[in-house]
Amino acid sequence: MEILALLMFVAVCAVLLMGYPVAFSLAGTALVFGFIGVATGDIPAALLKSAFSRLYGIMQNPTLIAVPLFVFMGVMLEKAKIADKLLTGMAGLFAGAPGGLAISVVIVGALLAASTGIVGATVVTMGLLSLPVMLKNGYSTPLSTGVICASGTLGQIIPPSIVLVLLGDVIASANRDAGIGAEPVSVGDLFAGAMVPGVILVLLYIIYIFAFAKIKPEQAPAIHLTPDDSEQKSAQKKFDWGSLFLPLFLILLVLGSILGGVATPSEAAALGALGATCLAIYYREFSIDRLKEVARATTKTSSMVFMILIGASIFSLVFRAFGGDDAIRDVLSSLPGGVVGAMIVVMLAMFLLGFILDFIEIVFVIVPLTAPALLAMGVDPIWLGIMIAVNLQTSFLTPPFGFALFYLRGVTPDEVKTKEIYKGVLPFIIIQMLMLVLMALWPNIVTWLPGVIYS
């Protein structure tokens, strides 16, 4: 039976490489092998019927309701041009500081990450808004593109992140499947665990930019306001503090309600969607046409997520029926180095799969297959979830297939070479790998805040 599980995994990889949609590749492969298993008597026919109850369970899952609501919140803030206002103001505030423009891009990227949680939207928005300004002011192309890609991927780790919402549900299920009687894990636990690593990652970005500007000031010049700099003076003088504090207040309201136990993730996401709409009205960027545009984008993104989830659920059901989960557990437990060796292998596998698979596919397919074995070996579920999130974030930047690189390449002018984008992200990949090492050596970076909040 385990041979069929291996063949099933190889088959789905082959189908994906042929270019078929992920959701239908997962479900189709699972059904084909499921029928083979029923025909050979390896799995009972009743098992396939239980797929309907699993799908009904997905529709009833209250945590997953947060996904379309958070997507709506992010798309509404993007369409309301909040990023434009934030970047204009930050550029004025950091005028005169070495690397000030790049630092402002990182801070705005972090705020957008916390408000949208959508990597593609953040990278495209920052690329359209900030790249022309940075190049115009003499910033090197690799630094400019690297900063935009890296700050755009912060949406993977900074709450409220859609990745963390999905991971929270998957890790909670894996925790139950591990069968070790562990405490339940919630999305709020992962949000709390991601706070400190997210802040440290932003600070490491800023430290690198500041050091780069000191070493090579000609490639990251400070912007000095002169009587002729009417545009920059206007940005500094007319900075609307509300454009900074209103989105920040909304983010803190959403996060605070979850971490404080006042609201569930779904209720907090609904609050965020309503707040984003109110901000659009406040900035006079709201209209019926814009609402339709946001609704269409939300429906498209949410449909993709849930279709992949349905396909992955069916795949996981048949894969486990063939004993695939037991085989993975045996392999991981027999690796040299015990838990450390198993974690290294799983993290490396997810990193490499990030070259060809989207984070949603990895979360729904790979994590459910590997996480129960790791949790059964004593790995902390919150720490594991954040390690996976940062790992997936790194895969977004890795040439040649990093999704953030493709997003930025699509909005950059022809004079910006692809190799310059690749060169620019390398220092940030090293920083993120350093973050993984820090969390591995000092797990308290992740587990301290959840322990304080929920103790």
Protein backbone atom coordinates (compact mmCIF):
# COMPACT_ATOMS: atom_id res chain seq x y z
CA MET A 1 0.00 0.00 0.00
CA GLU A 2 2.83 2.40 0.78
CA ILE A 3 4.11 1.85 -2.74
CA LEU A 4 0.79 3.17 -4.05
CA ALA A 5 1.16 6.22 -1.80
CA LEU A 6 4.60 6.89 -3.29
CA LEU A 7 3.30 6.42 -6.83
CA MET A 8 0.41 8.74 -6.04
CA PHE A 9 2.80 11.49 -4.89
CA VAL A 10 5.01 11.04 -7.97
CA ALA A 11 1.93 11.12 -10.21
CA VAL A 12 0.61 14.39 -8.81
CA CYS A 13 4.06 15.99 -9.20
CA ALA A 14 4.15 14.87 -12.83
CA VAL A 15 0.67 16.24 -13.50
CA LEU A 16 1.61 19.57 -11.92
CA LEU A 17 4.75 19.82 -14.04
CA MET A 18 2.58 19.29 -17.10
CA GLY A 19 0.87 22.57 -16.26
CA TYR A 20 -2.53 21.43 -15.06
CA PRO A 21 -4.30 23.52 -12.36
CA VAL A 22 -3.22 22.54 -8.87
CA ALA A 23 -6.68 22.01 -7.37
CA PHE A 24 -7.85 19.68 -10.14
CA SER A 25 -4.48 17.90 -10.30
CA LEU A 26 -4.70 17.03 -6.60
CA ALA A 27 -8.35 15.96 -6.66
CA GLY A 28 -8.11 14.12 -9.99
CA THR A 29 -5.00 12.15 -9.02
CA ALA A 30 -6.53 11.27 -5.66
CA LEU A 31 -9.76 10.01 -7.25
CA VAL A 32 -7.91 7.90 -9.83
CA PHE A 33 -5.76 6.25 -7.19
CA GLY A 34 -8.76 5.99 -4.88
CA PHE A 35 -10.66 3.97 -7.48
CA ILE A 36 -7.55 1.81 -8.02
CA GLY A 37 -7.37 1.21 -4.27
CA VAL A 38 -11.03 0.23 -4.12
CA ALA A 39 -10.61 -2.10 -7.12
CA THR A 40 -7.59 -3.83 -5.57
CA GLY A 41 -9.23 -3.99 -2.15
CA ASP A 42 -6.50 -1.89 -0.50
CA ILE A 43 -8.97 0.73 0.71
CA PRO A 44 -12.70 0.41 1.45
CA ALA A 45 -15.24 2.09 -0.82
CA ALA A 46 -16.74 3.82 2.22
CA LEU A 47 -13.53 5.84 2.52
CA LEU A 48 -14.22 7.70 -0.72
CA LYS A 49 -17.74 8.49 0.47
CA SER A 50 -16.26 10.13 3.57
CA ALA A 51 -14.73 12.77 1.28
CA PHE A 52 -18.12 14.47 1.20
CA SER A 53 -18.16 14.86 4.97
CA ARG A 54 -14.63 16.32 4.82
CA LEU A 55 -15.75 18.90 2.27
CA TYR A 56 -18.78 19.73 4.38
CA GLY A 57 -16.43 20.18 7.33
CA ILE A 58 -14.40 22.69 5.30
CA MET A 59 -17.54 24.70 4.57
CA GLN A 60 -18.46 24.67 8.26
CA ASN A 61 -14.98 25.67 9.47
CA PRO A 62 -15.43 29.11 11.11
CA THR A 63 -11.71 29.93 10.94
CA LEU A 64 -11.64 29.76 7.13
CA ILE A 65 -14.35 32.42 6.90
CA ALA A 66 -11.58 34.86 7.81
CA VAL A 67 -9.80 34.25 4.48
CA PRO A 68 -12.19 36.11 2.11
CA LEU A 69 -12.70 38.84 4.73
CA PHE A 70 -8.96 39.48 5.11
CA VAL A 71 -8.59 39.40 1.32
CA PHE A 72 -11.40 41.97 1.03
CA MET A 73 -9.69 44.16 3.63
CA GLY A 74 -6.38 44.05 1.78
CA VAL A 75 -7.79 44.66 -1.69
CA MET A 76 -9.94 47.56 -0.45
CA LEU A 77 -6.92 49.24 1.18
CA GLU A 78 -4.92 48.71 -2.01
CA LYS A 79 -7.64 50.19 -4.25
CA ALA A 80 -8.13 53.11 -1.85
CA LYS A 81 -4.49 54.13 -2.55
CA ILE A 82 -3.45 53.90 1.08
CA ALA A 83 0.01 52.77 -0.05
CA ASP A 84 0.43 55.91 -2.16
CA LYS A 85 -0.36 58.14 0.82
CA LEU A 86 1.90 56.17 3.15
CA LEU A 87 4.87 56.20 0.77
CA THR A 88 4.57 59.91 0.03
CA GLY A 89 4.50 60.76 3.70
CA MET A 90 7.30 58.42 4.71
CA ALA A 91 9.57 59.72 1.94
CA GLY A 92 9.15 63.21 3.37
CA LEU A 93 9.74 62.09 6.96
CA PHE A 94 12.96 60.28 6.06
CA ALA A 95 14.32 63.07 3.84
CA GLY A 96 17.97 63.68 4.68
CA ALA A 97 18.64 60.19 6.09
CA PRO A 98 21.10 57.92 4.24
CA GLY A 99 19.03 55.27 2.48
CA GLY A 100 15.92 57.08 3.70
CA LEU A 101 13.82 56.20 0.67
CA ALA A 102 14.65 52.50 0.96
CA ILE A 103 13.90 52.54 4.70
CA SER A 104 10.56 54.20 4.02
CA VAL A 105 9.75 51.47 1.48
CA VAL A 106 10.47 48.78 4.11
CA ILE A 107 8.26 50.48 6.71
CA VAL A 108 5.42 51.06 4.26
CA GLY A 109 5.83 47.47 3.01
CA ALA A 110 5.51 46.21 6.59
CA LEU A 111 2.36 48.28 7.15
CA LEU A 112 0.89 47.10 3.86
CA ALA A 113 1.81 43.53 4.75
CA ALA A 114 -0.06 43.87 8.02
CA SER A 115 -3.06 45.39 6.29
CA THR A 116 -3.25 43.30 3.10
CA GLY A 117 -1.45 40.04 3.78
CA ILE A 118 -1.23 39.51 -0.01
CA VAL A 119 2.33 39.32 -1.36
CA GLY A 120 1.49 39.91 -5.01
CA ALA A 121 -0.60 43.00 -4.30
CA THR A 122 2.08 44.53 -2.06
CA VAL A 123 4.99 43.86 -4.46
CA VAL A 124 3.11 45.21 -7.49
CA THR A 125 1.87 48.27 -5.61
CA MET A 126 5.31 49.12 -4.20
CA GLY A 127 6.94 48.45 -7.56
CA LEU A 128 4.64 50.88 -9.36
CA LEU A 129 4.88 53.57 -6.68
CA SER A 130 8.38 53.46 -5.26
CA LEU A 131 10.69 52.05 -7.94
CA PRO A 132 10.49 55.10 -10.27
CA VAL A 133 11.06 57.45 -7.31
CA MET A 134 14.09 55.49 -6.05
CA LEU A 135 15.71 55.25 -9.49
CA LYS A 136 15.05 58.95 -10.13
CA ASN A 137 16.88 59.85 -6.92
CA GLY A 138 20.00 57.86 -7.79
CA TYR A 139 19.39 54.61 -5.94
CA SER A 140 21.05 51.54 -7.43
CA THR A 141 18.70 49.27 -9.32
CA PRO A 142 19.62 46.06 -7.38
CA LEU A 143 19.03 47.75 -4.02
CA SER A 144 15.74 49.29 -5.16
CA THR A 145 14.34 46.06 -6.57
CA GLY A 146 15.63 43.98 -3.64
CA VAL A 147 14.02 46.26 -1.07
CA ILE A 148 10.67 46.18 -2.89
CA CYS A 149 10.62 42.38 -3.24
CA ALA A 150 11.73 41.77 0.34
CA SER A 151 9.32 44.25 1.92
CA GLY A 152 6.50 42.86 -0.23
CA THR A 153 7.00 39.35 1.15
CA LEU A 154 6.60 40.56 4.74
CA GLY A 155 2.91 39.80 4.24
CA GLN A 156 3.84 36.14 4.76
CA ILE A 157 4.90 36.63 8.38
CA ILE A 158 3.42 39.87 9.75
CA PRO A 159 -0.12 39.35 11.14
CA PRO A 160 -2.89 39.38 10.13
CA SER A 161 -1.43 37.23 7.38
CA ILE A 162 -3.56 34.96 5.21
CA VAL A 163 -0.69 32.47 5.29
CA LEU A 164 -0.90 32.35 9.09
CA VAL A 165 -4.69 31.93 8.97
CA LEU A 166 -4.33 28.93 6.66
CA LEU A 167 -1.35 27.57 8.59
CA GLY A 168 -3.23 27.96 11.87
CA ASP A 169 -6.02 25.72 10.66
CA VAL A 170 -3.64 23.15 9.14
CA ILE A 171 -1.34 23.06 12.19
CA ALA A 172 -4.36 22.67 14.48
CA SER A 173 -5.50 19.65 12.43
CA ALA A 174 -1.97 18.23 12.40
CA ASN A 175 -1.79 18.68 16.16
CA ARG A 176 -4.93 16.56 16.54
CA ASP A 177 -3.64 13.97 14.06
CA ALA A 178 -0.39 13.66 16.02
CA GLY A 179 -2.47 12.08 18.81
CA ILE A 180 -0.27 13.28 21.67
CA GLY A 181 -2.94 15.07 23.68
CA ALA A 182 -1.36 18.46 23.11
CA GLU A 183 -3.04 21.76 23.80
CA PRO A 184 -5.12 23.05 20.86
CA VAL A 185 -3.44 25.59 18.57
CA SER A 186 -5.32 28.59 17.22
CA VAL A 187 -4.74 31.25 14.60
CA GLY A 188 -4.30 33.73 17.45
CA ASP A 189 -1.37 31.64 18.75
CA LEU A 190 0.39 31.91 15.39
CA PHE A 191 -0.37 35.64 15.16
CA ALA A 192 1.23 36.16 18.57
CA GLY A 193 4.18 33.93 17.67
CA ALA A 194 4.84 35.85 14.45
CA MET A 195 4.90 39.32 16.03
CA VAL A 196 8.47 39.31 17.41
CA PRO A 197 10.07 37.55 14.38
CA GLY A 198 8.25 39.97 12.06
CA VAL A 199 9.57 43.02 13.94
CA ILE A 200 13.10 41.58 14.07
CA LEU A 201 13.01 40.90 10.33
CA VAL A 202 11.97 44.49 9.58
CA LEU A 203 14.75 45.80 11.84
CA LEU A 204 17.32 43.57 10.11
CA TYR A 205 16.22 44.96 6.75
CA ILE A 206 16.60 48.53 8.01
CA ILE A 207 20.02 47.81 9.55
CA TYR A 208 21.22 46.33 6.27
CA ILE A 209 19.97 49.34 4.27
CA PHE A 210 21.58 51.78 6.71
CA ALA A 211 24.91 49.90 6.53
CA PHE A 212 24.70 49.74 2.73
CA ALA A 213 24.08 53.51 2.57
CA LYS A 214 27.10 54.16 4.80
CA ILE A 215 29.39 51.94 2.74
CA LYS A 216 28.09 53.00 -0.70
CA PRO A 217 26.42 56.41 -0.19
CA GLU A 218 26.38 57.09 -3.93
CA GLN A 219 24.02 54.10 -4.45
CA ALA A 220 21.62 55.04 -1.64
CA PRO A 221 21.86 58.84 -1.35
CA ALA A 222 20.10 60.92 1.24
CA ILE A 223 17.48 63.28 -0.17
CA HIS A 224 18.21 66.83 0.96
CA LEU A 225 15.38 69.32 0.65
CA THR A 226 16.29 72.56 -1.11
CA PRO A 227 14.14 75.57 -2.12
CA ASP A 228 13.73 73.90 -5.53
CA ASP A 229 12.44 70.63 -4.11
CA SER A 230 8.84 71.76 -4.14
CA GLU A 231 7.49 68.25 -4.61
CA GLN A 232 9.44 66.82 -1.69
CA LYS A 233 8.67 69.85 0.50
CA SER A 234 5.01 69.48 -0.28
CA ALA A 235 5.14 65.81 0.70
CA GLN A 236 6.76 66.68 4.02
CA LYS A 237 4.68 69.73 4.80
CA LYS A 238 1.32 68.29 3.81
CA PHE A 239 1.89 64.86 5.30
CA ASP A 240 -1.44 63.60 6.48
CA TRP A 241 -0.71 61.90 9.77
CA GLY A 242 -4.07 60.22 9.44
CA SER A 243 -2.71 58.28 6.43
CA LEU A 244 -0.26 56.63 8.83
CA PHE A 245 -2.24 56.31 12.04
CA LEU A 246 -5.64 55.38 10.64
CA PRO A 247 -4.40 52.20 8.87
CA LEU A 248 -2.16 51.48 11.87
CA PHE A 249 -5.14 51.86 14.22
CA LEU A 250 -7.16 49.47 12.04
CA ILE A 251 -4.35 46.90 12.10
CA LEU A 252 -3.96 47.17 15.88
CA LEU A 253 -7.72 46.92 16.30
CA VAL A 254 -7.88 43.72 14.26
CA LEU A 255 -4.82 42.15 15.92
CA GLY A 256 -5.73 43.34 19.41
CA SER A 257 -9.21 41.88 19.21
CA ILE A 258 -7.77 38.46 18.26
CA LEU A 259 -4.84 38.42 20.69
CA GLY A 260 -6.98 39.78 23.50
CA GLY A 261 -9.57 37.07 23.01
CA VAL A 262 -12.30 39.63 22.37
CA ALA A 263 -13.07 38.34 18.86
CA THR A 264 -12.46 35.23 16.81
CA PRO A 265 -10.27 35.55 13.68
CA SER A 266 -13.40 35.61 11.52
CA GLU A 267 -15.02 38.36 13.61
CA ALA A 268 -11.80 40.38 13.59
CA ALA A 269 -11.50 39.92 9.81
CA ALA A 270 -15.06 41.21 9.40
CA LEU A 271 -14.10 44.22 11.51
CA GLY A 272 -11.06 44.77 9.30
CA ALA A 273 -13.13 44.56 6.11
CA LEU A 274 -15.59 47.11 7.50
CA GLY A 275 -12.75 49.35 8.69
CA ALA A 276 -11.03 49.25 5.30
CA THR A 277 -14.30 50.28 3.64
CA CYS A 278 -14.68 53.16 6.11
CA LEU A 279 -11.12 54.31 5.31
CA ALA A 280 -11.92 54.26 1.59
CA ILE A 281 -14.99 56.41 2.28
CA TYR A 282 -12.93 58.76 4.48
CA TYR A 283 -10.36 59.28 1.70
CA ARG A 284 -13.16 59.67 -0.88
CA GLU A 285 -11.91 56.66 -2.81
CA PHE A 286 -15.10 54.64 -2.41
CA SER A 287 -17.61 54.04 -5.19
CA ILE A 288 -19.97 51.32 -6.31
CA ASP A 289 -17.68 50.48 -9.22
CA ARG A 290 -14.72 50.19 -6.85
CA LEU A 291 -16.75 47.99 -4.51
CA LYS A 292 -17.58 45.70 -7.45
CA GLU A 293 -13.91 45.60 -8.42
CA VAL A 294 -12.88 44.68 -4.87
CA ALA A 295 -15.63 42.06 -4.64
CA ARG A 296 -14.53 40.44 -7.92
CA ALA A 297 -10.87 40.33 -6.83
CA THR A 298 -11.86 38.90 -3.43
CA THR A 299 -14.03 36.22 -5.02
CA LYS A 300 -11.31 35.22 -7.46
CA THR A 301 -8.60 34.91 -4.80
CA SER A 302 -10.85 33.17 -2.25
CA SER A 303 -12.14 30.71 -4.86
CA MET A 304 -8.57 29.75 -5.75
CA VAL A 305 -7.71 29.16 -2.09
CA PHE A 306 -10.76 27.02 -1.36
CA MET A 307 -10.53 24.99 -4.57
CA ILE A 308 -6.93 24.09 -3.70
CA LEU A 309 -8.05 23.28 -0.14
CA ILE A 310 -10.75 20.93 -1.44
CA GLY A 311 -8.33 19.20 -3.81
CA ALA A 312 -5.69 18.89 -1.08
CA SER A 313 -8.26 17.49 1.35
CA ILE A 314 -9.23 14.69 -1.05
CA PHE A 315 -5.56 14.02 -1.85
CA SER A 316 -4.67 13.80 1.84
CA LEU A 317 -7.58 11.41 2.50
CA VAL A 318 -6.51 8.89 -0.14
CA PHE A 319 -2.79 9.32 0.60
CA ARG A 320 -3.35 8.45 4.25
CA ALA A 321 -5.57 5.51 3.31
CA PHE A 322 -2.58 4.03 1.50
CA GLY A 323 -0.44 4.51 4.63
CA GLY A 324 1.51 7.43 3.24
CA ASP A 325 1.46 9.36 6.51
CA ASP A 326 2.89 6.36 8.39
CA ALA A 327 5.63 6.03 5.78
CA ILE A 328 6.56 9.71 6.15
CA ARG A 329 6.57 9.37 9.95
CA ASP A 330 8.86 6.34 9.74
CA VAL A 331 11.25 8.09 7.37
CA LEU A 332 11.47 11.26 9.48
CA SER A 333 11.88 9.37 12.75
CA SER A 334 14.69 7.23 11.29
CA LEU A 335 16.74 10.16 10.01
CA PRO A 336 20.09 10.80 11.73
CA GLY A 337 19.96 13.66 14.20
CA GLY A 338 16.48 12.91 15.50
CA VAL A 339 14.19 15.93 15.63
CA VAL A 340 16.91 18.28 14.37
CA GLY A 341 17.60 16.10 11.32
CA ALA A 342 13.89 15.74 10.58
CA MET A 343 13.32 19.52 10.82
CA ILE A 344 16.26 20.23 8.51
CA VAL A 345 14.97 17.79 5.90
CA VAL A 346 11.39 19.11 6.04
CA MET A 347 12.50 22.77 5.93
CA LEU A 348 14.83 22.05 3.00
CA ALA A 349 12.08 20.18 1.14
CA MET A 350 9.61 23.04 1.62
CA PHE A 351 12.25 25.55 0.53
CA LEU A 352 12.93 23.62 -2.69
CA LEU A 353 9.22 23.05 -3.36
CA GLY A 354 8.76 26.80 -3.05
CA PHE A 355 10.59 27.07 -6.38
CA ILE A 356 7.71 25.38 -8.21
CA LEU A 357 4.67 25.52 -5.92
CA ASP A 358 2.71 28.42 -4.47
CA PHE A 359 2.61 28.79 -0.68
CA ILE A 360 -1.07 27.78 -0.63
CA GLU A 361 -0.26 24.45 -2.26
CA ILE A 362 2.60 23.80 0.16
CA VAL A 363 0.42 24.69 3.17
CA PHE A 364 -2.44 22.42 2.09
CA VAL A 365 -0.43 19.50 0.66
CA ILE A 366 3.02 19.25 2.25
CA VAL A 367 2.33 20.57 5.76
CA PRO A 368 -0.51 18.09 6.53
CA LEU A 369 1.76 15.21 5.45
CA THR A 370 4.84 16.22 7.46
CA ALA A 371 3.61 18.26 10.44
CA PRO A 372 1.91 15.38 12.36
CA ALA A 373 5.17 13.40 12.37
CA LEU A 374 7.18 16.40 13.59
CA LEU A 375 4.63 17.24 16.28
CA ALA A 376 4.63 13.62 17.45
CA MET A 377 8.40 13.96 17.85
CA GLY A 378 7.88 16.82 20.31
CA VAL A 379 8.19 19.91 18.09
CA ASP A 380 6.27 22.94 19.41
CA PRO A 381 3.35 23.60 17.02
CA ILE A 382 3.54 27.41 17.22
CA TRP A 383 7.29 27.38 16.58
CA LEU A 384 6.83 24.95 13.70
CA GLY A 385 4.15 27.14 12.11
CA ILE A 386 6.32 30.27 12.20
CA MET A 387 9.38 28.40 10.93
CA ILE A 388 7.30 27.21 7.97
CA ALA A 389 5.95 30.73 7.35
CA VAL A 390 9.43 32.33 7.27
CA ASN A 391 10.71 29.46 5.11
CA LEU A 392 7.91 30.00 2.59
CA GLN A 393 8.60 33.72 2.68
CA THR A 394 12.21 33.03 1.69
CA SER A 395 11.08 30.88 -1.24
CA PHE A 396 9.21 33.90 -2.63
CA LEU A 397 12.56 35.64 -3.17
CA THR A 398 14.70 32.78 -4.43
CA PRO A 399 15.79 33.03 -8.09
CA PRO A 400 14.89 31.97 -10.65
CA PHE A 401 11.32 31.01 -9.71
CA GLY A 402 10.54 33.26 -6.73
CA PHE A 403 7.00 34.57 -7.15
CA ALA A 404 7.88 38.03 -5.82
CA LEU A 405 10.48 38.32 -8.59
CA PHE A 406 7.85 37.56 -11.23
CA TYR A 407 5.42 40.06 -9.69
CA LEU A 408 8.04 42.83 -9.78
CA ARG A 409 9.34 41.88 -13.23
CA GLY A 410 5.83 42.37 -14.57
CA VAL A 411 5.70 46.06 -13.56
CA THR A 412 9.31 47.18 -14.07
CA PRO A 413 10.51 49.04 -17.19
CA ASP A 414 12.59 47.20 -19.78
CA GLU A 415 15.80 48.97 -18.75
CA VAL A 416 15.69 47.14 -15.40
CA LYS A 417 17.44 43.84 -16.10
CA THR A 418 16.24 40.58 -14.57
CA LYS A 419 19.75 39.81 -13.30
CA GLU A 420 19.68 43.11 -11.36
CA ILE A 421 16.48 41.98 -9.61
CA TYR A 422 18.14 38.65 -8.77
CA LYS A 423 21.24 40.42 -7.48
CA GLY A 424 19.16 42.77 -5.34
CA VAL A 425 17.27 40.05 -3.46
CA LEU A 426 20.33 37.98 -2.50
CA PRO A 427 21.21 40.00 0.65
CA PHE A 428 17.59 39.78 1.82
CA ILE A 429 17.54 36.01 1.24
CA ILE A 430 20.61 35.79 3.50
CA ILE A 431 18.84 37.93 6.13
CA GLN A 432 15.79 35.66 6.06
CA MET A 433 17.97 32.54 6.31
CA LEU A 434 19.64 34.21 9.30
CA MET A 435 16.18 34.73 10.81
CA LEU A 436 15.46 31.02 10.43
CA VAL A 437 18.73 30.19 12.18
CA LEU A 438 17.96 32.62 15.02
CA MET A 439 14.53 31.07 15.56
CA ALA A 440 16.03 27.58 15.45
CA LEU A 441 18.68 28.46 18.04
CA TRP A 442 16.37 30.52 20.25
CA PRO A 443 12.78 29.22 19.93
CA ASN A 444 11.72 31.71 22.62
CA ILE A 445 11.75 34.37 19.89
CA VAL A 446 8.55 32.70 18.70
CA THR A 447 7.08 31.17 21.85
CA TRP A 448 7.68 34.00 24.35
CA LEU A 449 4.83 36.33 23.35
CA PRO A 450 2.13 33.60 23.07
CA GLY A 451 3.21 32.41 26.52
CA VAL A 452 2.84 35.91 27.96
CA ILE A 453 -0.52 36.58 26.33
CA TYR A 454 -2.20 33.24 26.93
CA SER A 455 -0.57 32.20 30.22
